[in-house]
Amino acid sequence: MQLLNTELQSQIKAYLSPMIHPISIVLFTQDSPCETCTETKQLLKEVSELNSKITFIEKDLVEDIVDADTYGIEMTPSFVMLDHEGKYRGVKFNGIPAGHEINSFLTAILDMSGTDFGFDEETINRIKKINKPVNIKVFVTLSCPHCPGAVSSAHRLAMLNSNIEGEMIEAQTFYALSEKYQVSGVPKIVINEKHELLGNQPIEAFLNTLEKL
C-alpha cells in the first residue's frame, strides 16, 4: 500500500529537486517488538524512489549490531543519514517521520546533500567552536507543527560540527523515554541529558546553552 499519493509524490519530488550531492538513508528495524517499523520502511522507501540521489538501506538491529553500534542505534525504528562520502554527520531519527515531521525529514535530506542552510558567518563560527561532545534529543509528536523546526536546528548543528549529534525522538513510539525525560510538551529539547529547552527555539538559544557546557 502506497503511503504517498500522487499529489504528495510530485510535491516532494519538486521540494527535493535542488539536491546537490547524493546521500544515503540507513534504517534499522527488527522483527519484534517494533511498533512502526513497517510503515517507516515504506515511507523512507517511497521518498527515496522520488530522487535518484537518495540511496535507501535497511539493516537489522540484531544482525547488523556492529553498524548499529557505529551509529549509536539502540531502538527501532531508527535511521541515520550519511553524506555523499558515506560519512555519518550526527543526523538521526528515532521513529517514523510522518505527519508534520516529514518536513524535518525532507529538510535533512536537502541539507545533507549540501544545500545552504542560510546561517550567517557569525552563527557558523559559533557552531564550529563547540569543542565538547554534545547530544541533542528533540522529542516530538507527529501532530506538532512547531517540532520540525527544532529537529532541523539540532540536525544542522550536527552537520556543521562533528562533536554534535542531533536526534529526533517520536514521543509516543518511545513512551518509556518520554517518561524518563518527563516530556509533557513538545518539542522538548534535552542537551547532554540535563539541559532542557521547550518549544521551537531559535538557533541562538541552542548555541547559548551549548556554549555554557
Protein backbone atom coordinates (compact mmCIF):
# COMPACT_ATOMS: atom_id res chain seq x y z
CA MET A 1 0.00 0.00 0.00
CA GLN A 2 1.33 3.42 -1.03
CA LEU A 3 1.64 5.94 1.82
CA LEU A 4 2.20 8.90 -0.51
CA ASN A 5 -0.47 9.74 -3.05
CA THR A 6 0.38 11.11 -6.49
CA GLU A 7 -0.03 14.74 -5.43
CA LEU A 8 2.29 14.32 -2.42
CA GLN A 9 4.82 12.47 -4.55
CA SER A 10 5.03 15.35 -7.03
CA GLN A 11 5.28 17.93 -4.20
CA ILE A 12 8.13 16.00 -2.56
CA LYS A 13 9.86 15.49 -5.91
CA ALA A 14 9.79 19.24 -6.54
CA TYR A 15 10.98 20.00 -2.99
CA LEU A 16 13.95 17.64 -3.34
CA SER A 17 14.92 18.80 -6.84
CA PRO A 18 17.64 21.23 -5.55
CA MET A 19 19.63 18.28 -4.04
CA ILE A 20 23.34 18.68 -4.81
CA HIS A 21 25.22 15.55 -3.69
CA PRO A 22 23.90 12.01 -3.20
CA ILE A 23 23.00 10.89 0.34
CA SER A 24 22.17 7.57 1.98
CA ILE A 25 19.46 6.71 4.48
CA VAL A 26 20.25 3.73 6.72
CA LEU A 27 17.23 2.35 8.57
CA PHE A 28 17.48 -0.12 11.46
CA THR A 29 14.48 -2.37 12.12
CA GLN A 30 13.80 -5.60 13.98
CA ASP A 31 11.12 -8.27 13.76
CA SER A 32 9.57 -7.53 17.14
CA PRO A 33 8.72 -5.60 19.13
CA CYS A 34 8.66 -2.75 16.65
CA GLU A 35 5.53 -0.66 16.50
CA THR A 36 6.13 1.37 13.34
CA CYS A 37 8.98 -0.44 11.53
CA THR A 38 6.85 -1.48 8.53
CA GLU A 39 5.38 1.99 7.98
CA THR A 40 8.76 3.70 8.48
CA LYS A 41 10.43 1.42 5.94
CA GLN A 42 7.60 2.06 3.46
CA LEU A 43 7.79 5.84 3.87
CA LEU A 44 11.59 6.02 3.52
CA LYS A 45 11.50 3.71 0.51
CA GLU A 46 8.79 5.76 -1.23
CA VAL A 47 10.63 9.05 -0.63
CA SER A 48 13.98 7.62 -1.75
CA GLU A 49 12.40 6.48 -5.02
CA LEU A 50 11.49 10.10 -5.82
CA ASN A 51 15.11 11.22 -6.31
CA SER A 52 17.97 9.19 -7.82
CA LYS A 53 20.43 10.90 -5.44
CA ILE A 54 18.91 9.08 -2.44
CA THR A 55 20.03 5.55 -1.55
CA PHE A 56 17.89 3.61 0.93
CA ILE A 57 19.48 0.82 3.00
CA GLU A 58 17.73 -1.36 5.57
CA LYS A 59 19.61 -3.11 8.36
CA ASP A 60 18.59 -5.37 11.22
CA LEU A 61 19.31 -4.12 14.74
CA VAL A 62 20.40 -7.60 15.89
CA GLU A 63 22.13 -8.98 12.80
CA ASP A 64 23.91 -5.72 11.99
CA ILE A 65 24.85 -4.90 15.57
CA VAL A 66 28.31 -3.56 14.56
CA ASP A 67 26.72 -0.95 12.29
CA ALA A 68 24.11 -0.17 14.92
CA ASP A 69 26.89 0.44 17.47
CA THR A 70 28.75 2.67 14.99
CA TYR A 71 25.75 4.99 14.79
CA GLY A 72 24.65 4.57 18.42
CA ILE A 73 21.36 2.91 17.44
CA GLU A 74 19.61 1.19 20.36
CA MET A 75 15.94 1.25 19.40
CA THR A 76 13.78 0.68 16.34
CA PRO A 77 12.73 2.07 14.01
CA SER A 78 15.73 4.42 13.87
CA PHE A 79 17.65 5.74 10.91
CA VAL A 80 20.66 7.88 10.14
CA MET A 81 21.63 9.93 7.10
CA LEU A 82 25.07 9.67 5.53
CA ASP A 83 26.66 12.26 3.27
CA HIS A 84 28.00 11.65 -0.26
CA GLU A 85 31.18 10.18 1.22
CA GLY A 86 29.19 7.70 3.32
CA LYS A 87 30.07 9.66 6.46
CA TYR A 88 27.77 9.86 9.48
CA ARG A 89 27.26 13.53 10.37
CA GLY A 90 25.22 13.14 13.57
CA VAL A 91 21.76 13.20 11.93
CA LYS A 92 19.43 10.60 13.47
CA PHE A 93 15.68 9.97 13.56
CA ASN A 94 14.05 7.65 16.10
CA GLY A 95 10.52 6.83 14.97
CA ILE A 96 8.57 7.48 11.79
CA PRO A 97 8.97 10.98 10.32
CA ALA A 98 5.31 11.20 9.30
CA GLY A 99 2.72 13.93 9.94
CA HIS A 100 4.44 17.28 10.41
CA GLU A 101 7.81 15.52 10.85
CA ILE A 102 8.00 14.79 7.13
CA ASN A 103 9.17 18.42 6.99
CA SER A 104 12.26 17.83 9.16
CA PHE A 105 12.95 14.60 7.22
CA LEU A 106 12.87 16.30 3.81
CA THR A 107 14.84 19.29 5.14
CA ALA A 108 17.55 16.94 6.44
CA ILE A 109 17.81 15.28 3.02
CA LEU A 110 18.32 18.65 1.31
CA ASP A 111 20.73 19.87 4.00
CA MET A 112 22.79 16.66 3.90
CA SER A 113 23.03 16.93 0.11
CA GLY A 114 24.87 20.23 0.51
CA THR A 115 22.25 22.95 0.07
CA ASP A 116 22.80 26.18 2.01
CA PHE A 117 21.17 26.41 5.47
CA GLY A 118 21.14 30.20 5.29
CA PHE A 119 23.13 30.66 8.54
CA ASP A 120 25.26 33.81 8.75
CA GLU A 121 29.02 33.62 9.20
CA GLU A 122 28.93 34.56 12.88
CA THR A 123 26.49 31.73 13.66
CA ILE A 124 28.57 29.20 11.71
CA ASN A 125 31.73 30.29 13.56
CA ARG A 126 29.97 29.90 16.92
CA ILE A 127 28.81 26.41 15.97
CA LYS A 128 32.26 25.33 14.83
CA LYS A 129 33.84 26.49 18.12
CA ILE A 130 31.88 23.95 20.21
CA ASN A 131 34.63 21.57 21.31
CA LYS A 132 32.84 19.18 23.69
CA PRO A 133 30.74 16.12 22.85
CA VAL A 134 27.09 17.19 22.59
CA ASN A 135 23.94 15.07 22.23
CA ILE A 136 20.71 16.88 21.43
CA LYS A 137 17.46 14.95 21.78
CA VAL A 138 14.34 16.58 20.34
CA PHE A 139 11.12 14.92 21.48
CA VAL A 140 8.28 15.40 19.01
CA THR A 141 4.77 14.26 18.21
CA LEU A 142 3.58 13.85 14.64
CA SER A 143 0.75 16.35 15.15
CA CYS A 144 3.06 19.14 16.39
CA PRO A 145 3.59 21.91 13.80
CA HIS A 146 6.44 23.54 15.77
CA CYS A 147 8.52 20.38 16.19
CA PRO A 148 10.17 20.09 12.74
CA GLY A 149 11.92 23.45 13.17
CA ALA A 150 13.57 22.30 16.41
CA VAL A 151 14.61 19.00 14.83
CA SER A 152 16.14 20.76 11.82
CA SER A 153 18.11 23.11 14.09
CA ALA A 154 19.56 20.16 16.03
CA HIS A 155 20.47 18.37 12.79
CA ARG A 156 22.08 21.45 11.25
CA LEU A 157 24.22 21.96 14.35
CA ALA A 158 25.33 18.32 14.00
CA MET A 159 26.14 18.67 10.29
CA LEU A 160 28.35 21.68 10.99
CA ASN A 161 30.26 20.23 13.95
CA SER A 162 31.40 16.62 14.34
CA ASN A 163 31.22 16.95 18.16
CA ILE A 164 27.42 17.32 17.95
CA GLU A 165 24.74 14.69 17.40
CA GLY A 166 21.10 15.64 16.88
CA GLU A 167 18.28 13.14 17.15
CA MET A 168 14.53 13.27 16.72
CA ILE A 169 12.58 11.07 19.13
CA GLU A 170 8.93 10.38 18.39
CA ALA A 171 7.47 10.70 21.88
CA GLN A 172 4.56 8.26 21.54
CA THR A 173 6.51 5.42 19.95
CA PHE A 174 9.22 5.69 22.60
CA TYR A 175 6.92 6.33 25.53
CA ALA A 176 9.33 4.98 28.16
CA LEU A 177 11.95 7.52 27.08
CA SER A 178 9.36 10.30 27.14
CA GLU A 179 8.53 9.34 30.72
CA LYS A 180 12.21 9.21 31.68
CA TYR A 181 12.77 12.75 30.38
CA GLN A 182 9.39 13.95 31.72
CA VAL A 183 8.10 15.08 28.35
CA SER A 184 4.81 16.90 28.92
CA GLY A 185 5.01 19.31 25.99
CA VAL A 186 6.74 19.22 22.61
CA PRO A 187 9.13 19.99 21.13
CA LYS A 188 11.17 19.22 24.23
CA ILE A 189 14.90 19.57 23.70
CA VAL A 190 17.31 17.74 26.02
CA ILE A 191 21.01 18.57 25.72
CA ASN A 192 23.58 16.21 27.22
CA GLU A 193 20.91 14.58 29.39
CA LYS A 194 20.43 17.59 31.70
CA HIS A 195 19.89 20.94 29.96
CA GLU A 196 16.36 21.48 28.68
CA LEU A 197 14.67 23.85 26.25
CA LEU A 198 10.99 23.85 25.39
CA GLY A 199 9.47 24.95 22.09
CA ASN A 200 10.89 25.68 18.67
CA GLN A 201 13.83 27.74 19.89
CA PRO A 202 15.97 29.88 17.57
CA ILE A 203 19.46 28.58 16.80
CA GLU A 204 20.85 31.25 19.20
CA ALA A 205 19.05 29.58 22.14
CA PHE A 206 20.70 26.27 21.27
CA LEU A 207 24.09 27.95 20.99
CA ASN A 208 23.71 29.87 24.25
CA THR A 209 23.17 26.54 26.04
CA LEU A 210 25.95 24.70 24.17
CA GLU A 211 28.49 27.44 24.92
CA LYS A 212 27.86 27.02 28.65
CA LEU A 213 28.52 23.26 28.70
